[in-house]
Amino acid sequence: MLGWEEWRIGRKTVQFIDQARIAVKAGRGGDGIAAFRREKYVPAGGPSGGDGGWGGDVVLESDSNLQTLLDFKYKRMFEANDGRRGGPNRSTGASADDLVIRVPCGTEVRDLGSGLLLGDLVEAGERIVIAKGGKGGLGNAHYLSNRNRAPEKFTEGKEGEGRELQLELKLLAEVGLVGMPNAGKSTLISVLSSARPKIADYPFTTLVPNLGVVRRPTGDGTVFADIPGLIAGAAAGAGLGHDFLRHIERTRLLIHLVDCSQEDPIKDAKTLLGELQAYGHGLPERPRILVLSKGELLNEESIAPLKTALEEEMEQPVLVISAATGKGLDKLLQAVWLVLGIET
């Protein structure tokens, strides 16, 4: 089963797939053989059957050039090659090459049947052997003994391991933007970074996660992730956000955007916090910056009491920003760098 949507990167549209189920089968070991030396000048040559080679392993490797699990939409069965059978003169059959399957960085690998986590490929180039190739069989040379000088016994190669796997991609971002639909997350990430997500004045404009790189004061970049808006019941599967909450599990910091122009911003803030608590996975304990967005839509006399009321209700400081005018963005970034421990 595949979970997939369209992911817009600039003007380029690709399919964003963050879940996939695949089956893998390691190679079978090559058979051993029964053979005897019969050279003219080798008296009593004896048994000389060689062993079979190992079957190929199935290996998963993280690749920084991949961003989605798109390849697994078209191919779901992966089989490594079998080992070669043994040869005469105690020649061992060739072992098969490993089958290397490349996945995006941030991919979790689970056994589909048990749900057991087999590996978490985060850094580029990390590898995990997901299915071990079968051992090659033994040739009859192994069974030579004082009691049996001409054994004809040999063994077949072992079957390779087979598994069904669940692959889940969790985006690698340090900062996650969360909020109700139309809270201004996409607008903010477009202003802070070079990302160009689809933006419109209706709910659920963002259908898939967007990534943007925000330049740090030190010159390098920090990845921000904007996930689809959350609504009441998102943690239980309502709306669009449930399928993408996994993408902020790896973040170090959450920016909680609350649209100050809504009818009840405080209720919206409490609803989203409740969804994070219901989802769990460490998100409620994650450092969180609370932000009133779209500050350009209200005057100072209206925003001040709303900010005070929200701070009292949520028991934490609140920043006021306007992505449209740039107001408050410097303070927001300073708060982000402070929490992440980045010198300014």
Foldseek 3Di string as FASTA:
>chain_A
DWDWDWDDFPNDIDIATFKAKAKEWWAWWAWWAWDFDDDPPCPLRFTFIAWTAWTAFEKEFAAQVDDHPVVCVVPRYYYTYYTHYTDGNHRYTHYGYHHYDYDHAQKWKAFPPPRHTQDGHHDGGDMDGPKTTWHIKGYCVVVDDPVDRHDRDIGGIGTIDMTMMMIGHAADFQEEEAFAFPLCQQLQLVLQFVGDQQDDPDGFSPQAKDWGWGADPVGGTGIYIYGHYDDQCLCVPPDRRNVRPSNCLNYQEYEYGFAPPDPDSLVRSVRVLVSQVSNDSPRNVRHYAYEHEPVVVDDPVSVVVVQVVSCVSVVHHYFYAYSVVGPRPVVVVVVVCVSVVHDD
